[in-house]
């Protein structure tokens, strides 16, 4: 997460009418990311309009086409519009898998079961695995396929995570790298000259600066990292 001064400047710019069409909030402190994300949405859309002009989508599972439809449609009420996408999977890649698993083990150890399952699930999807495969085949082949290392102190916790994922049938996120396709569609949409004031706010724990969608947000909008 960016320092507080960066966030406060972004909020002040929004209040002054200097609104970016794309915003990405990311960082390894989930509470601070969520807090910044919520404050940005509140600043972008006045309270009286939020029931009509603010939509939030599940970034782990939403189809990119559905996301674009939500972004492109005119607001129901005259005024600014925002679409929020927490846990946006579009910014992470296989290079983040090792850190995701480490954070999943840490979350499990601190009792944050849902967070552990979300992080581990994203890594399984990168490898095109299911919970059942992770339980049956073990974590070593998973790590080998992703070309990462599993710290020995995390293995027991991660086994518990995947066993819980299978037991609870925790839904896995969408697979594949859709970031490039989404970046192309966003770039075309932003270049169409649509008159509505609209902002797409992404939030995630990890973001790969090499990805096309990250570079697009950086060029056309704002990254708070």
Protein backbone atom coordinates (compact mmCIF):
# COMPACT_ATOMS: atom_id res chain seq x y z
CA UNK A 1 0.00 0.00 0.00
CA UNK A 2 1.14 3.54 -0.71
CA UNK A 3 1.81 5.79 2.22
CA UNK A 4 -1.05 7.75 3.74
CA UNK A 5 -0.01 10.96 2.00
CA UNK A 6 -0.50 9.37 -1.44
CA UNK A 7 -3.97 8.17 -0.53
CA UNK A 8 -4.97 11.53 0.96
CA UNK A 9 -3.77 13.30 -2.19
CA UNK A 10 -5.82 10.94 -4.35
CA UNK A 11 -8.91 11.61 -2.23
CA UNK A 12 -8.32 15.37 -2.38
CA UNK A 13 -7.97 15.19 -6.18
CA UNK A 14 -11.28 13.33 -6.43
CA UNK A 15 -13.04 15.94 -4.29
CA UNK A 16 -11.55 18.64 -6.55
CA UNK A 17 -13.01 16.92 -9.61
CA UNK A 18 -9.73 15.44 -10.86
CA UNK A 19 -11.04 11.92 -11.33
CA UNK A 20 -8.99 9.13 -12.91
CA UNK A 21 -10.85 6.47 -14.92
CA UNK A 22 -8.75 3.60 -13.48
CA UNK A 23 -7.39 3.08 -9.97
CA UNK A 24 -5.47 0.13 -8.57
CA UNK A 25 -4.93 -0.31 -4.84
CA UNK A 26 -2.59 -3.15 -3.92
CA UNK A 27 -0.29 -4.28 -1.14
CA UNK A 28 0.41 -7.04 1.32
CA UNK A 29 -1.50 -5.45 4.21
CA UNK A 30 -5.04 -6.51 3.42
CA UNK A 31 -6.67 -4.26 6.00
CA UNK A 32 -5.01 -1.14 4.61
CA UNK A 33 -5.86 -2.10 1.03
CA UNK A 34 -9.52 -2.63 1.97
CA UNK A 35 -9.62 0.63 3.90
CA UNK A 36 -8.17 2.61 0.98
CA UNK A 37 -10.50 0.87 -1.50
CA UNK A 38 -13.58 1.74 0.60
CA UNK A 39 -12.51 5.36 1.05
CA UNK A 40 -11.93 5.80 -2.68
CA UNK A 41 -15.38 4.45 -3.57
CA UNK A 42 -16.99 6.70 -0.96
CA UNK A 43 -15.17 9.73 -2.38
CA UNK A 44 -16.00 8.87 -6.00
CA UNK A 45 -19.77 8.43 -5.60
CA UNK A 46 -21.83 10.67 -3.28
CA UNK A 47 -23.87 8.79 -0.71
CA UNK A 48 -27.19 9.75 -2.32
CA UNK A 49 -26.13 8.10 -5.60
CA UNK A 50 -24.43 4.93 -4.31
CA UNK A 51 -27.52 2.74 -4.57
CA UNK A 52 -27.70 3.58 -8.28
CA UNK A 53 -24.20 4.48 -9.50
CA UNK A 54 -21.92 2.15 -7.51
CA UNK A 55 -21.47 -1.51 -8.33
CA UNK A 56 -19.05 -3.98 -6.76
CA UNK A 57 -17.99 -7.23 -8.43
CA UNK A 58 -16.13 -10.28 -7.16
CA UNK A 59 -12.68 -9.94 -8.75
CA UNK A 60 -11.83 -13.59 -8.13
CA UNK A 61 -14.66 -14.90 -10.27
CA UNK A 62 -16.23 -12.18 -12.43
CA UNK A 63 -15.99 -12.65 -16.19
CA UNK A 64 -14.06 -9.84 -17.89
CA UNK A 65 -17.02 -9.33 -20.25
CA UNK A 66 -19.36 -8.78 -17.28
CA UNK A 67 -16.87 -6.36 -15.76
CA UNK A 68 -16.70 -4.37 -19.00
CA UNK A 69 -20.48 -4.30 -19.32
CA UNK A 70 -20.70 -2.86 -15.81
CA UNK A 71 -18.06 -0.25 -16.62
CA UNK A 72 -19.49 0.78 -20.01
CA UNK A 73 -23.17 1.06 -19.13
CA UNK A 74 -24.40 4.59 -18.45
CA UNK A 75 -25.09 5.40 -14.78
CA UNK A 76 -28.66 4.99 -13.61
CA UNK A 77 -28.67 8.49 -12.12
CA UNK A 78 -26.95 11.60 -13.45
CA UNK A 79 -23.60 11.97 -11.74
CA UNK A 80 -20.34 10.08 -11.21
CA UNK A 81 -20.26 6.31 -11.40
CA UNK A 82 -17.81 3.75 -10.00
CA UNK A 83 -17.29 0.02 -10.33
CA UNK A 84 -15.30 -1.65 -7.56
CA UNK A 85 -13.42 -4.92 -8.10
CA UNK A 86 -11.88 -6.29 -4.88
CA UNK A 87 -9.55 -9.30 -5.01
CA UNK A 88 -8.90 -8.55 -8.68
CA UNK A 89 -7.14 -11.60 -10.11
CA UNK A 90 -6.16 -9.84 -13.34
CA UNK A 91 -2.95 -8.39 -11.92
CA UNK A 92 -1.23 -11.48 -10.52
CA UNK A 93 0.74 -14.16 -12.34
CA UNK A 94 2.76 -17.29 -11.73
CA UNK A 95 5.67 -15.19 -10.49
CA UNK A 96 3.50 -14.37 -7.46
CA UNK A 97 2.62 -17.98 -6.64
CA UNK A 98 5.35 -18.56 -4.05
CA UNK A 99 4.44 -15.45 -2.09
CA UNK A 100 0.74 -16.29 -2.30
CA UNK A 101 1.32 -19.72 -0.78
CA UNK A 102 3.50 -18.25 1.97
CA UNK A 103 0.75 -15.78 2.78
CA UNK A 104 -1.87 -18.54 2.66
CA UNK A 105 0.12 -20.51 5.26
CA UNK A 106 0.47 -17.39 7.40
CA UNK A 107 -3.25 -16.64 7.16
CA UNK A 108 -4.12 -20.21 8.12
CA UNK A 109 -1.83 -20.03 11.14
CA UNK A 110 -3.52 -16.84 12.34
CA UNK A 111 -7.03 -18.25 11.92
CA UNK A 112 -7.91 -16.36 8.72
CA UNK A 113 -9.33 -19.42 7.00
CA UNK A 114 -11.19 -17.65 4.18
CA UNK A 115 -8.14 -15.60 3.24
CA UNK A 116 -5.95 -18.72 3.25
CA UNK A 117 -8.39 -20.51 0.96
CA UNK A 118 -8.64 -17.57 -1.43
CA UNK A 119 -4.86 -17.28 -1.79
CA UNK A 120 -4.26 -21.02 -2.16
CA UNK A 121 -7.16 -21.28 -4.59
CA UNK A 122 -5.63 -18.64 -6.85
CA UNK A 123 -2.39 -20.62 -7.01
CA UNK A 124 -4.20 -23.87 -7.79
CA UNK A 125 -6.01 -22.14 -10.64
CA UNK A 126 -2.69 -20.91 -12.08
CA UNK A 127 -1.60 -24.55 -12.30
CA UNK A 128 -5.04 -25.68 -13.55
CA UNK A 129 -5.45 -27.87 -10.45
CA UNK A 130 -8.46 -28.60 -8.25
CA UNK A 131 -8.59 -29.03 -4.47
CA UNK A 132 -8.96 -32.78 -5.00
CA UNK A 133 -5.79 -32.92 -7.12
CA UNK A 134 -3.85 -30.95 -4.52
CA UNK A 135 -4.93 -33.38 -1.80
CA UNK A 136 -4.34 -36.50 -3.87
CA UNK A 137 -1.09 -35.54 -5.60
CA UNK A 138 0.47 -33.45 -2.84
CA UNK A 139 2.09 -30.04 -2.94
CA UNK A 140 5.51 -31.01 -4.28
CA UNK A 141 4.29 -31.59 -7.88
CA UNK A 142 2.35 -28.33 -7.69
CA UNK A 143 5.46 -26.41 -6.67
CA UNK A 144 7.53 -28.15 -9.33
CA UNK A 145 5.03 -27.31 -12.06
CA UNK A 146 5.00 -23.64 -11.07
CA UNK A 147 8.80 -23.62 -10.62
CA UNK A 148 8.62 -22.40 -7.04
CA UNK A 149 9.90 -23.61 -3.68
CA UNK A 150 7.80 -24.44 -0.66
CA UNK A 151 9.43 -23.53 2.68
CA UNK A 152 9.35 -26.59 4.91
CA UNK A 153 7.69 -24.65 7.73
CA UNK A 154 4.69 -23.91 5.47
CA UNK A 155 3.98 -27.39 4.13
CA UNK A 156 1.88 -28.65 7.04
CA UNK A 157 -0.25 -25.51 7.07
CA UNK A 158 -0.76 -25.64 3.30
CA UNK A 159 -1.81 -29.28 3.47
CA UNK A 160 -4.47 -28.25 5.96
CA UNK A 161 -5.57 -25.43 3.68
CA UNK A 162 -6.09 -27.66 0.63
CA UNK A 163 -7.82 -30.32 2.74
CA UNK A 164 -10.21 -27.64 4.02
CA UNK A 165 -10.72 -26.37 0.47
CA UNK A 166 -11.77 -29.84 -0.65
CA UNK A 167 -13.89 -30.50 2.43
CA UNK A 168 -15.78 -27.21 2.12
CA UNK A 169 -15.85 -27.21 -1.69
CA UNK A 170 -14.51 -23.68 -1.57
CA UNK A 171 -15.07 -22.10 -5.02
CA UNK A 172 -11.94 -21.63 -7.08
CA UNK A 173 -11.41 -18.38 -9.02
CA UNK A 174 -11.59 -18.15 -12.78
CA UNK A 175 -8.60 -19.59 -14.60
CA UNK A 176 -6.33 -18.24 -17.27
CA UNK A 177 -4.59 -14.93 -17.70
CA UNK A 178 -7.32 -12.53 -18.73
CA UNK A 179 -5.39 -9.39 -17.84
CA UNK A 180 -4.18 -8.70 -21.37
CA UNK A 181 -7.63 -9.09 -22.90
CA UNK A 182 -9.17 -6.88 -20.24
CA UNK A 183 -6.48 -4.23 -20.81
CA UNK A 184 -7.28 -4.15 -24.54
CA UNK A 185 -11.01 -3.75 -23.90
CA UNK A 186 -10.46 -1.05 -21.29
CA UNK A 187 -8.15 0.87 -23.58
CA UNK A 188 -10.72 0.76 -26.38
CA UNK A 189 -13.49 1.82 -24.02
CA UNK A 190 -11.52 4.74 -22.64
CA UNK A 191 -10.72 5.86 -26.17
CA UNK A 192 -14.36 5.86 -27.24
CA UNK A 193 -15.01 9.29 -25.74
CA UNK A 194 -17.91 8.16 -23.54
CA UNK A 195 -19.09 11.29 -21.70
CA UNK A 196 -20.04 9.70 -18.39
CA UNK A 197 -17.71 10.26 -15.44
CA UNK A 198 -16.84 6.70 -14.49
CA UNK A 199 -14.06 5.06 -12.54
CA UNK A 200 -13.00 1.44 -12.21
CA UNK A 201 -11.35 0.72 -8.86
CA UNK A 202 -9.36 -2.50 -8.53
CA UNK A 203 -7.99 -3.87 -5.26
CA UNK A 204 -5.67 -6.85 -4.78
CA UNK A 205 -2.86 -8.10 -2.60
CA UNK A 206 -0.28 -8.70 -5.34
CA UNK A 207 0.22 -6.97 -8.67
CA UNK A 208 2.82 -7.75 -11.32
CA UNK A 209 4.11 -4.46 -12.74
CA UNK A 210 5.13 -6.24 -15.94
CA UNK A 211 1.55 -7.07 -16.90
CA UNK A 212 -0.20 -5.08 -19.60
CA UNK A 213 -3.17 -4.22 -17.42
CA UNK A 214 -0.90 -2.85 -14.67
CA UNK A 215 0.89 -0.65 -17.21
CA UNK A 216 -2.46 0.58 -18.54
CA UNK A 217 -3.65 1.64 -15.09
CA UNK A 218 -0.30 3.31 -14.48
CA UNK A 219 -0.53 5.23 -17.76
CA UNK A 220 -4.24 6.14 -17.75
CA UNK A 221 -5.02 6.19 -14.07
CA UNK A 222 -3.49 5.79 -10.65
CA UNK A 223 -1.63 3.00 -8.84
CA UNK A 224 -1.52 3.10 -5.04
CA UNK A 225 0.92 0.35 -4.12
